Each structure stands twice: as structure tokens, then as C-alpha cells.
All heavy atoms as atom14 arrays in JSON, in Angstrom:
{
  "sequence": "KTVIERLTSSGCVVAPNSALRTASLLWLRETSLHHATRTMGMDEVI",
  "atom14_mask": [
    [1, 1, 1, 1, 1, 1, 1, 1, 1, 0, 0, 0, 0, 0],
    [1, 1, 1, 1, 1, 1, 1, 0, 0, 0, 0, 0, 0, 0],
    [1, 1, 1, 1, 1, 1, 1, 0, 0, 0, 0, 0, 0, 0],
    [1, 1, 1, 1, 1, 1, 1, 1, 0, 0, 0, 0, 0, 0],
    [1, 1, 1, 1, 1, 1, 1, 1, 1, 0, 0, 0, 0, 0],
    [1, 1, 1, 1, 1, 1, 1, 1, 1, 1, 1, 0, 0, 0],
    [1, 1, 1, 1, 1, 1, 1, 1, 0, 0, 0, 0, 0, 0],
    [1, 1, 1, 1, 1, 1, 1, 0, 0, 0, 0, 0, 0, 0],
    [1, 1, 1, 1, 1, 1, 0, 0, 0, 0, 0, 0, 0, 0],
    [1, 1, 1, 1, 1, 1, 0, 0, 0, 0, 0, 0, 0, 0],
    [1, 1, 1, 1, 0, 0, 0, 0, 0, 0, 0, 0, 0, 0],
    [1, 1, 1, 1, 1, 1, 0, 0, 0, 0, 0, 0, 0, 0],
    [1, 1, 1, 1, 1, 1, 1, 0, 0, 0, 0, 0, 0, 0],
    [1, 1, 1, 1, 1, 1, 1, 0, 0, 0, 0, 0, 0, 0],
    [1, 1, 1, 1, 1, 0, 0, 0, 0, 0, 0, 0, 0, 0],
    [1, 1, 1, 1, 1, 1, 1, 0, 0, 0, 0, 0, 0, 0],
    [1, 1, 1, 1, 1, 1, 1, 1, 0, 0, 0, 0, 0, 0],
    [1, 1, 1, 1, 1, 1, 0, 0, 0, 0, 0, 0, 0, 0],
    [1, 1, 1, 1, 1, 0, 0, 0, 0, 0, 0, 0, 0, 0],
    [1, 1, 1, 1, 1, 1, 1, 1, 0, 0, 0, 0, 0, 0],
    [1, 1, 1, 1, 1, 1, 1, 1, 1, 1, 1, 0, 0, 0],
    [1, 1, 1, 1, 1, 1, 1, 0, 0, 0, 0, 0, 0, 0],
    [1, 1, 1, 1, 1, 0, 0, 0, 0, 0, 0, 0, 0, 0],
    [1, 1, 1, 1, 1, 1, 0, 0, 0, 0, 0, 0, 0, 0],
    [1, 1, 1, 1, 1, 1, 1, 1, 0, 0, 0, 0, 0, 0],
    [1, 1, 1, 1, 1, 1, 1, 1, 0, 0, 0, 0, 0, 0],
    [1, 1, 1, 1, 1, 1, 1, 1, 1, 1, 1, 1, 1, 1],
    [1, 1, 1, 1, 1, 1, 1, 1, 0, 0, 0, 0, 0, 0],
    [1, 1, 1, 1, 1, 1, 1, 1, 1, 1, 1, 0, 0, 0],
    [1, 1, 1, 1, 1, 1, 1, 1, 1, 0, 0, 0, 0, 0],
    [1, 1, 1, 1, 1, 1, 1, 0, 0, 0, 0, 0, 0, 0],
    [1, 1, 1, 1, 1, 1, 0, 0, 0, 0, 0, 0, 0, 0],
    [1, 1, 1, 1, 1, 1, 1, 1, 0, 0, 0, 0, 0, 0],
    [1, 1, 1, 1, 1, 1, 1, 1, 1, 1, 0, 0, 0, 0],
    [1, 1, 1, 1, 1, 1, 1, 1, 1, 1, 0, 0, 0, 0],
    [1, 1, 1, 1, 1, 0, 0, 0, 0, 0, 0, 0, 0, 0],
    [1, 1, 1, 1, 1, 1, 1, 0, 0, 0, 0, 0, 0, 0],
    [1, 1, 1, 1, 1, 1, 1, 1, 1, 1, 1, 0, 0, 0],
    [1, 1, 1, 1, 1, 1, 1, 0, 0, 0, 0, 0, 0, 0],
    [1, 1, 1, 1, 1, 1, 1, 1, 0, 0, 0, 0, 0, 0],
    [1, 1, 1, 1, 0, 0, 0, 0, 0, 0, 0, 0, 0, 0],
    [1, 1, 1, 1, 1, 1, 1, 1, 0, 0, 0, 0, 0, 0],
    [1, 1, 1, 1, 1, 1, 1, 1, 0, 0, 0, 0, 0, 0],
    [1, 1, 1, 1, 1, 1, 1, 1, 1, 0, 0, 0, 0, 0],
    [1, 1, 1, 1, 1, 1, 1, 0, 0, 0, 0, 0, 0, 0],
    [1, 1, 1, 1, 1, 1, 1, 1, 0, 0, 0, 0, 0, 0]
  ],
  "atom14_positions": [
    [[0.84, -1.21, 0.0], [0.0, 0.0, 0.0], [0.87, 1.25, 0.0], [0.55, 2.24, -0.68], [-0.92, -0.01, 1.22], [-2.02, -1.06, 1.16], [-2.89, -1.0, 2.4], [-3.99, -2.07, 2.34], [-4.83, -2.06, 3.57], [0.0, 0.0, 0.0], [0.0, 0.0, 0.0], [0.0, 0.0, 0.0], [0.0, 0.0, 0.0], [0.0, 0.0, 0.0]],
    [[1.96, 1.21, 0.75], [2.87, 2.36, 0.79], [3.51, 2.58, -0.58], [3.67, 3.73, -1.03], [3.97, 2.13, 1.85], [3.36, 1.92, 3.13], [4.91, 3.33, 1.91], [0.0, 0.0, 0.0], [0.0, 0.0, 0.0], [0.0, 0.0, 0.0], [0.0, 0.0, 0.0], [0.0, 0.0, 0.0], [0.0, 0.0, 0.0], [0.0, 0.0, 0.0]],
    [[3.88, 1.51, -1.25], [4.45, 1.62, -2.59], [3.47, 2.28, -3.54], [3.83, 3.19, -4.31], [4.85, 0.21, -3.14], [5.35, 0.33, -4.58], [5.92, -0.43, -2.27], [0.0, 0.0, 0.0], [0.0, 0.0, 0.0], [0.0, 0.0, 0.0], [0.0, 0.0, 0.0], [0.0, 0.0, 0.0], [0.0, 0.0, 0.0], [0.0, 0.0, 0.0]],
    [[2.21, 1.86, -3.49], [1.18, 2.43, -4.37], [1.0, 3.92, -4.07], [0.93, 4.75, -5.0], [-0.15, 1.68, -4.18], [-0.02, 0.24, -4.69], [-1.29, 2.39, -4.93], [-1.22, -0.63, -4.37], [0.0, 0.0, 0.0], [0.0, 0.0, 0.0], [0.0, 0.0, 0.0], [0.0, 0.0, 0.0], [0.0, 0.0, 0.0], [0.0, 0.0, 0.0]],
    [[0.96, 4.26, -2.79], [0.79, 5.67, -2.41], [1.95, 6.52, -2.9], [1.74, 7.64, -3.43], [0.67, 5.78, -0.88], [-0.62, 5.18, -0.33], [-0.6, 5.09, 1.18], [0.43, 5.47, 1.78], [-1.61, 4.64, 1.77], [0.0, 0.0, 0.0], [0.0, 0.0, 0.0], [0.0, 0.0, 0.0], [0.0, 0.0, 0.0], [0.0, 0.0, 0.0]],
    [[3.15, 6.03, -2.79], [4.33, 6.81, -3.21], [4.4, 6.92, -4.73], [4.77, 7.98, -5.25], [5.6, 6.17, -2.66], [5.68, 6.21, -1.14], [7.09, 6.0, -0.64], [7.15, 6.13, 0.81], [8.26, 6.35, 1.5], [9.42, 6.46, 0.85], [8.25, 6.46, 2.8], [0.0, 0.0, 0.0], [0.0, 0.0, 0.0], [0.0, 0.0, 0.0]],
    [[4.06, 5.86, -5.42], [4.05, 5.93, -6.89], [2.99, 6.9, -7.37], [3.22, 7.69, -8.3], [3.81, 4.54, -7.47], [4.96, 3.53, -7.36], [4.5, 2.16, -7.84], [6.17, 3.99, -8.16], [0.0, 0.0, 0.0], [0.0, 0.0, 0.0], [0.0, 0.0, 0.0], [0.0, 0.0, 0.0], [0.0, 0.0, 0.0], [0.0, 0.0, 0.0]],
    [[1.82, 6.86, -6.75], [0.72, 7.74, -7.14], [1.07, 9.2, -6.87], [0.82, 10.09, -7.71], [-0.56, 7.36, -6.39], [-0.89, 6.0, -6.65], [-1.73, 8.24, -6.83], [0.0, 0.0, 0.0], [0.0, 0.0, 0.0], [0.0, 0.0, 0.0], [0.0, 0.0, 0.0], [0.0, 0.0, 0.0], [0.0, 0.0, 0.0], [0.0, 0.0, 0.0]],
    [[1.67, 9.47, -5.72], [2.03, 10.85, -5.38], [3.11, 11.41, -6.29], [3.22, 12.63, -6.47], [2.49, 10.91, -3.92], [3.68, 10.17, -3.74], [0.0, 0.0, 0.0], [0.0, 0.0, 0.0], [0.0, 0.0, 0.0], [0.0, 0.0, 0.0], [0.0, 0.0, 0.0], [0.0, 0.0, 0.0], [0.0, 0.0, 0.0], [0.0, 0.0, 0.0]],
    [[3.9, 10.5, -6.91], [4.95, 10.96, -7.82], [4.44, 11.07, -9.26], [5.22, 11.37, -10.17], [6.14, 10.01, -7.77], [5.78, 8.73, -8.25], [0.0, 0.0, 0.0], [0.0, 0.0, 0.0], [0.0, 0.0, 0.0], [0.0, 0.0, 0.0], [0.0, 0.0, 0.0], [0.0, 0.0, 0.0], [0.0, 0.0, 0.0], [0.0, 0.0, 0.0]],
    [[3.15, 10.83, -9.48], [2.57, 10.98, -10.81], [2.45, 9.72, -11.61], [1.99, 9.74, -12.76], [0.0, 0.0, 0.0], [0.0, 0.0, 0.0], [0.0, 0.0, 0.0], [0.0, 0.0, 0.0], [0.0, 0.0, 0.0], [0.0, 0.0, 0.0], [0.0, 0.0, 0.0], [0.0, 0.0, 0.0], [0.0, 0.0, 0.0], [0.0, 0.0, 0.0]],
    [[2.85, 8.58, -11.04], [2.74, 7.29, -11.75], [1.33, 6.74, -11.59], [0.67, 6.94, -10.57], [3.75, 6.29, -11.2], [5.47, 6.78, -11.43], [0.0, 0.0, 0.0], [0.0, 0.0, 0.0], [0.0, 0.0, 0.0], [0.0, 0.0, 0.0], [0.0, 0.0, 0.0], [0.0, 0.0, 0.0], [0.0, 0.0, 0.0], [0.0, 0.0, 0.0]],
    [[0.88, 6.05, -12.63], [-0.43, 5.41, -12.59], [-0.24, 3.93, -12.3], [0.45, 3.23, -13.04], [-1.18, 5.59, -13.94], [-2.51, 4.85, -13.9], [-1.38, 7.07, -14.23], [0.0, 0.0, 0.0], [0.0, 0.0, 0.0], [0.0, 0.0, 0.0], [0.0, 0.0, 0.0], [0.0, 0.0, 0.0], [0.0, 0.0, 0.0], [0.0, 0.0, 0.0]],
    [[-0.83, 3.46, -11.21], [-0.75, 2.05, -10.84], [-2.03, 1.37, -11.31], [-3.12, 1.69, -10.85], [-0.59, 1.88, -9.32], [-0.48, 0.4, -8.96], [0.64, 2.64, -8.83], [0.0, 0.0, 0.0], [0.0, 0.0, 0.0], [0.0, 0.0, 0.0], [0.0, 0.0, 0.0], [0.0, 0.0, 0.0], [0.0, 0.0, 0.0], [0.0, 0.0, 0.0]],
    [[-1.91, 0.48, -12.28], [-3.07, -0.17, -12.9], [-3.89, -0.94, -11.86], [-3.34, -1.45, -10.88], [-2.62, -1.11, -14.01], [0.0, 0.0, 0.0], [0.0, 0.0, 0.0], [0.0, 0.0, 0.0], [0.0, 0.0, 0.0], [0.0, 0.0, 0.0], [0.0, 0.0, 0.0], [0.0, 0.0, 0.0], [0.0, 0.0, 0.0], [0.0, 0.0, 0.0]],
    [[-5.2, -1.06, -12.09], [-6.06, -1.8, -11.15], [-5.65, -3.25, -10.99], [-5.86, -3.84, -9.93], [-7.46, -1.69, -11.79], [-7.38, -0.46, -12.65], [-5.98, -0.41, -13.16], [0.0, 0.0, 0.0], [0.0, 0.0, 0.0], [0.0, 0.0, 0.0], [0.0, 0.0, 0.0], [0.0, 0.0, 0.0], [0.0, 0.0, 0.0], [0.0, 0.0, 0.0]],
    [[-5.07, -3.84, -12.04], [-4.66, -5.25, -11.97], [-3.18, -5.41, -11.62], [-2.61, -6.49, -11.77], [-4.96, -5.96, -13.28], [-4.18, -5.37, -14.46], [-3.64, -4.27, -14.37], [-4.13, -6.11, -15.56], [0.0, 0.0, 0.0], [0.0, 0.0, 0.0], [0.0, 0.0, 0.0], [0.0, 0.0, 0.0], [0.0, 0.0, 0.0], [0.0, 0.0, 0.0]],
    [[-2.53, -4.34, -11.18], [-1.12, -4.41, -10.82], [-0.92, -5.39, -9.67], [-1.74, -5.5, -8.75], [-0.61, -3.03, -10.4], [0.67, -3.11, -9.81], [0.0, 0.0, 0.0], [0.0, 0.0, 0.0], [0.0, 0.0, 0.0], [0.0, 0.0, 0.0], [0.0, 0.0, 0.0], [0.0, 0.0, 0.0], [0.0, 0.0, 0.0], [0.0, 0.0, 0.0]],
    [[0.19, -6.1, -9.72], [0.52, -7.05, -8.65], [0.63, -6.35, -7.3], [0.36, -6.94, -6.26], [1.82, -7.78, -8.96], [0.0, 0.0, 0.0], [0.0, 0.0, 0.0], [0.0, 0.0, 0.0], [0.0, 0.0, 0.0], [0.0, 0.0, 0.0], [0.0, 0.0, 0.0], [0.0, 0.0, 0.0], [0.0, 0.0, 0.0], [0.0, 0.0, 0.0]],
    [[0.98, -5.07, -7.31], [1.09, -4.33, -6.06], [-0.26, -4.22, -5.35], [-0.32, -4.03, -4.14], [1.66, -2.94, -6.32], [3.11, -2.91, -6.83], [3.49, -1.52, -7.29], [4.06, -3.4, -5.73], [0.0, 0.0, 0.0], [0.0, 0.0, 0.0], [0.0, 0.0, 0.0], [0.0, 0.0, 0.0], [0.0, 0.0, 0.0], [0.0, 0.0, 0.0]],
    [[-1.35, -4.34, -6.12], [-2.7, -4.26, -5.53], [-3.23, -5.65, -5.16], [-4.06, -5.76, -4.26], [-3.67, -3.59, -6.51], [-3.34, -2.15, -6.87], [-4.44, -1.55, -7.73], [-4.1, -0.21, -8.21], [-4.27, 0.91, -7.51], [-4.76, 0.86, -6.28], [-3.95, 2.07, -8.04], [0.0, 0.0, 0.0], [0.0, 0.0, 0.0], [0.0, 0.0, 0.0]],
    [[-2.8, -6.66, -5.85], [-3.42, -7.98, -5.69], [-2.5, -9.03, -5.09], [-2.96, -10.12, -4.75], [-3.91, -8.49, -7.06], [-2.79, -8.6, -7.96], [-4.93, -7.55, -7.66], [0.0, 0.0, 0.0], [0.0, 0.0, 0.0], [0.0, 0.0, 0.0], [0.0, 0.0, 0.0], [0.0, 0.0, 0.0], [0.0, 0.0, 0.0], [0.0, 0.0, 0.0]],
    [[-1.22, -8.74, -4.96], [-0.26, -9.78, -4.58], [-0.45, -10.26, -3.14], [-0.84, -9.5, -2.26], [1.16, -9.26, -4.75], [0.0, 0.0, 0.0], [0.0, 0.0, 0.0], [0.0, 0.0, 0.0], [0.0, 0.0, 0.0], [0.0, 0.0, 0.0], [0.0, 0.0, 0.0], [0.0, 0.0, 0.0], [0.0, 0.0, 0.0], [0.0, 0.0, 0.0]],
    [[-0.15, -11.53, -2.94], [-0.04, -12.1, -1.6], [1.44, -12.31, -1.3], [2.29, -12.19, -2.2], [-0.78, -13.43, -1.51], [-0.11, -14.43, -2.27], [0.0, 0.0, 0.0], [0.0, 0.0, 0.0], [0.0, 0.0, 0.0], [0.0, 0.0, 0.0], [0.0, 0.0, 0.0], [0.0, 0.0, 0.0], [0.0, 0.0, 0.0], [0.0, 0.0, 0.0]],
    [[1.77, -12.63, -0.07], [3.16, -12.85, 0.32], [3.8, -13.95, -0.52], [4.99, -13.91, -0.83], [3.23, -13.21, 1.8], [4.62, -13.39, 2.4], [5.37, -12.06, 2.42], [4.52, -13.95, 3.83], [0.0, 0.0, 0.0], [0.0, 0.0, 0.0], [0.0, 0.0, 0.0], [0.0, 0.0, 0.0], [0.0, 0.0, 0.0], [0.0, 0.0, 0.0]],
    [[3.01, -14.95, -0.91], [3.53, -16.09, -1.69], [4.09, -15.64, -3.03], [4.93, -16.33, -3.63], [2.42, -17.12, -1.89], [2.84, -18.49, -2.44], [3.82, -19.17, -1.5], [1.62, -19.37, -2.66], [0.0, 0.0, 0.0], [0.0, 0.0, 0.0], [0.0, 0.0, 0.0], [0.0, 0.0, 0.0], [0.0, 0.0, 0.0], [0.0, 0.0, 0.0]],
    [[3.64, -14.48, -3.53], [4.11, -13.99, -4.82], [5.61, -13.71, -4.81], [6.27, -13.78, -5.85], [3.34, -12.74, -5.24], [1.95, -13.0, -5.7], [1.1, -13.95, -5.24], [1.23, -12.29, -6.71], [-0.11, -13.88, -5.9], [-0.06, -12.86, -6.82], [1.54, -11.21, -7.54], [-1.02, -12.41, -7.7], [0.58, -10.74, -8.43], [-0.69, -11.35, -8.51]],
    [[6.14, -13.35, -3.64], [7.59, -13.11, -3.55], [8.35, -14.38, -3.89], [9.35, -14.36, -4.63], [7.96, -12.63, -2.15], [7.64, -11.19, -1.79], [7.93, -10.96, -0.32], [8.43, -10.22, -2.65], [0.0, 0.0, 0.0], [0.0, 0.0, 0.0], [0.0, 0.0, 0.0], [0.0, 0.0, 0.0], [0.0, 0.0, 0.0], [0.0, 0.0, 0.0]],
    [[7.88, -15.5, -3.35], [8.53, -16.79, -3.63], [8.38, -17.16, -5.1], [9.34, -17.6, -5.75], [7.92, -17.88, -2.75], [8.49, -19.27, -2.99], [7.88, -20.25, -1.99], [8.51, -21.56, -2.08], [8.07, -22.55, -2.85], [6.98, -22.39, -3.58], [8.7, -23.71, -2.87], [0.0, 0.0, 0.0], [0.0, 0.0, 0.0], [0.0, 0.0, 0.0]],
    [[7.17, -17.0, -5.65], [6.94, -17.34, -7.04], [7.81, -16.5, -7.96], [8.39, -17.0, -8.92], [5.46, -17.13, -7.39], [4.52, -18.13, -6.76], [4.73, -19.53, -7.33], [4.43, -19.74, -8.51], [5.22, -20.39, -6.58], [0.0, 0.0, 0.0], [0.0, 0.0, 0.0], [0.0, 0.0, 0.0], [0.0, 0.0, 0.0], [0.0, 0.0, 0.0]],
    [[7.92, -15.22, -7.65], [8.76, -14.33, -8.47], [10.21, -14.76, -8.42], [10.9, -14.81, -9.45], [8.62, -12.87, -7.98], [7.25, -12.47, -8.03], [9.45, -11.94, -8.85], [0.0, 0.0, 0.0], [0.0, 0.0, 0.0], [0.0, 0.0, 0.0], [0.0, 0.0, 0.0], [0.0, 0.0, 0.0], [0.0, 0.0, 0.0], [0.0, 0.0, 0.0]],
    [[10.7, -15.09, -7.24], [12.09, -15.51, -7.09], [12.37, -16.79, -7.87], [13.41, -16.91, -8.53], [12.41, -15.73, -5.6], [13.75, -16.1, -5.43], [0.0, 0.0, 0.0], [0.0, 0.0, 0.0], [0.0, 0.0, 0.0], [0.0, 0.0, 0.0], [0.0, 0.0, 0.0], [0.0, 0.0, 0.0], [0.0, 0.0, 0.0], [0.0, 0.0, 0.0]],
    [[11.44, -17.75, -7.84], [11.63, -19.0, -8.56], [11.61, -18.77, -10.07], [12.38, -19.38, -10.81], [10.56, -20.01, -8.15], [10.76, -20.63, -6.77], [9.5, -21.35, -6.3], [11.94, -21.59, -6.78], [0.0, 0.0, 0.0], [0.0, 0.0, 0.0], [0.0, 0.0, 0.0], [0.0, 0.0, 0.0], [0.0, 0.0, 0.0], [0.0, 0.0, 0.0]],
    [[10.73, -17.9, -10.54], [10.7, -17.6, -11.97], [11.98, -16.88, -12.4], [12.5, -17.13, -13.5], [9.47, -16.76, -12.32], [8.23, -17.57, -12.48], [7.98, -18.32, -13.6], [7.18, -17.79, -11.66], [6.82, -18.95, -13.48], [6.32, -18.64, -12.31], [0.0, 0.0, 0.0], [0.0, 0.0, 0.0], [0.0, 0.0, 0.0], [0.0, 0.0, 0.0]],
    [[12.5, -16.02, -11.55], [13.77, -15.37, -11.87], [14.9, -16.39, -11.92], [15.84, -16.26, -12.72], [14.08, -14.3, -10.83], [13.23, -13.07, -10.97], [13.26, -12.03, -10.07], [12.32, -12.72, -11.91], [12.4, -11.09, -10.45], [11.84, -11.49, -11.56], [0.0, 0.0, 0.0], [0.0, 0.0, 0.0], [0.0, 0.0, 0.0], [0.0, 0.0, 0.0]],
    [[14.84, -17.42, -11.07], [15.88, -18.45, -11.06], [15.94, -19.2, -12.38], [17.02, -19.62, -12.82], [15.63, -19.43, -9.91], [0.0, 0.0, 0.0], [0.0, 0.0, 0.0], [0.0, 0.0, 0.0], [0.0, 0.0, 0.0], [0.0, 0.0, 0.0], [0.0, 0.0, 0.0], [0.0, 0.0, 0.0], [0.0, 0.0, 0.0], [0.0, 0.0, 0.0]],
    [[14.79, -19.37, -13.05], [14.78, -20.1, -14.32], [15.52, -19.36, -15.43], [15.83, -19.95, -16.46], [13.35, -20.39, -14.78], [12.67, -19.15, -15.09], [12.57, -21.13, -13.72], [0.0, 0.0, 0.0], [0.0, 0.0, 0.0], [0.0, 0.0, 0.0], [0.0, 0.0, 0.0], [0.0, 0.0, 0.0], [0.0, 0.0, 0.0], [0.0, 0.0, 0.0]],
    [[15.8, -18.07, -15.23], [16.52, -17.31, -16.25], [17.99, -17.71, -16.32], [18.62, -17.59, -17.38], [16.42, -15.81, -15.95], [15.0, -15.23, -15.99], [15.04, -13.76, -15.61], [13.71, -13.15, -15.64], [13.45, -11.88, -15.29], [14.46, -11.11, -14.9], [12.23, -11.42, -15.34], [0.0, 0.0, 0.0], [0.0, 0.0, 0.0], [0.0, 0.0, 0.0]],
    [[18.53, -18.15, -15.2], [19.97, -18.4, -15.15], [20.33, -19.82, -14.71], [21.48, -20.21, -14.82], [20.64, -17.41, -14.18], [20.03, -17.53, -12.88], [20.49, -15.98, -14.66], [0.0, 0.0, 0.0], [0.0, 0.0, 0.0], [0.0, 0.0, 0.0], [0.0, 0.0, 0.0], [0.0, 0.0, 0.0], [0.0, 0.0, 0.0], [0.0, 0.0, 0.0]],
    [[19.37, -20.58, -14.21], [19.65, -21.92, -13.7], [19.02, -22.99, -14.57], [18.02, -22.75, -15.25], [19.14, -22.07, -12.26], [19.78, -21.16, -11.25], [19.13, -21.47, -9.59], [19.86, -20.09, -8.7], [0.0, 0.0, 0.0], [0.0, 0.0, 0.0], [0.0, 0.0, 0.0], [0.0, 0.0, 0.0], [0.0, 0.0, 0.0], [0.0, 0.0, 0.0]],
    [[19.58, -24.18, -14.5], [19.0, -25.32, -15.18], [17.84, -25.9, -14.41], [17.6, -25.57, -13.24], [0.0, 0.0, 0.0], [0.0, 0.0, 0.0], [0.0, 0.0, 0.0], [0.0, 0.0, 0.0], [0.0, 0.0, 0.0], [0.0, 0.0, 0.0], [0.0, 0.0, 0.0], [0.0, 0.0, 0.0], [0.0, 0.0, 0.0], [0.0, 0.0, 0.0]],
    [[17.1, -26.8, -15.05], [15.92, -27.37, -14.44], [16.26, -28.12, -13.15], [15.54, -28.03, -12.16], [15.22, -28.31, -15.42], [13.87, -28.8, -14.9], [13.07, -29.97, -16.0], [14.05, -31.44, -15.7], [0.0, 0.0, 0.0], [0.0, 0.0, 0.0], [0.0, 0.0, 0.0], [0.0, 0.0, 0.0], [0.0, 0.0, 0.0], [0.0, 0.0, 0.0]],
    [[17.37, -28.87, -13.14], [17.74, -29.63, -11.95], [17.91, -28.73, -10.74], [17.44, -29.04, -9.64], [19.03, -30.41, -12.19], [18.82, -31.61, -13.09], [17.65, -31.9, -13.38], [19.82, -32.23, -13.49], [0.0, 0.0, 0.0], [0.0, 0.0, 0.0], [0.0, 0.0, 0.0], [0.0, 0.0, 0.0], [0.0, 0.0, 0.0], [0.0, 0.0, 0.0]],
    [[18.59, -27.6, -10.92], [18.82, -26.68, -9.81], [17.51, -26.07, -9.33], [17.28, -25.95, -8.12], [19.79, -25.58, -10.23], [21.22, -26.03, -10.41], [22.13, -24.88, -10.78], [21.84, -24.17, -11.76], [23.14, -24.69, -10.09], [0.0, 0.0, 0.0], [0.0, 0.0, 0.0], [0.0, 0.0, 0.0], [0.0, 0.0, 0.0], [0.0, 0.0, 0.0]],
    [[16.65, -25.67, -10.26], [15.39, -25.04, -9.87], [14.5, -26.03, -9.12], [13.82, -25.66, -8.15], [14.66, -24.47, -11.1], [13.27, -23.95, -10.72], [15.48, -23.34, -11.72], [0.0, 0.0, 0.0], [0.0, 0.0, 0.0], [0.0, 0.0, 0.0], [0.0, 0.0, 0.0], [0.0, 0.0, 0.0], [0.0, 0.0, 0.0], [0.0, 0.0, 0.0]],
    [[14.47, -27.29, -9.55], [13.67, -28.29, -8.85], [14.12, -28.42, -7.4], [13.3, -28.57, -6.49], [13.75, -29.65, -9.58], [12.98, -29.58, -10.9], [13.2, -30.77, -8.72], [13.12, -30.81, -11.76], [0.0, 0.0, 0.0], [0.0, 0.0, 0.0], [0.0, 0.0, 0.0], [0.0, 0.0, 0.0], [0.0, 0.0, 0.0], [0.0, 0.0, 0.0]]
  ]
}
């Protein structure tokens, strides 16, 4: 919520479907695992 408020006050538009509005804590883990697939092989990610 603080991120959204600061972005809005600086003139940025935060879309209604933005992850910042809908994300749960589990999204941090999902994001990290998806980032891992950019540089790691399948065995390491598993």
C-alpha cells in the first residue's frame, strides 16, 4: 500500500490489476523462482 501511495504521489499510474494491488506474500517466492529459471538449469530449480 505504501508503494502504491508513493508511486501515485509521484505521478505514476498504478493499474487496477497491478501485482502491487493484488499480490499475496507467496508472490515473492513465485517471483524468485521464476527469476531463477533465467539463469539456472531445471535440476537446480527443482
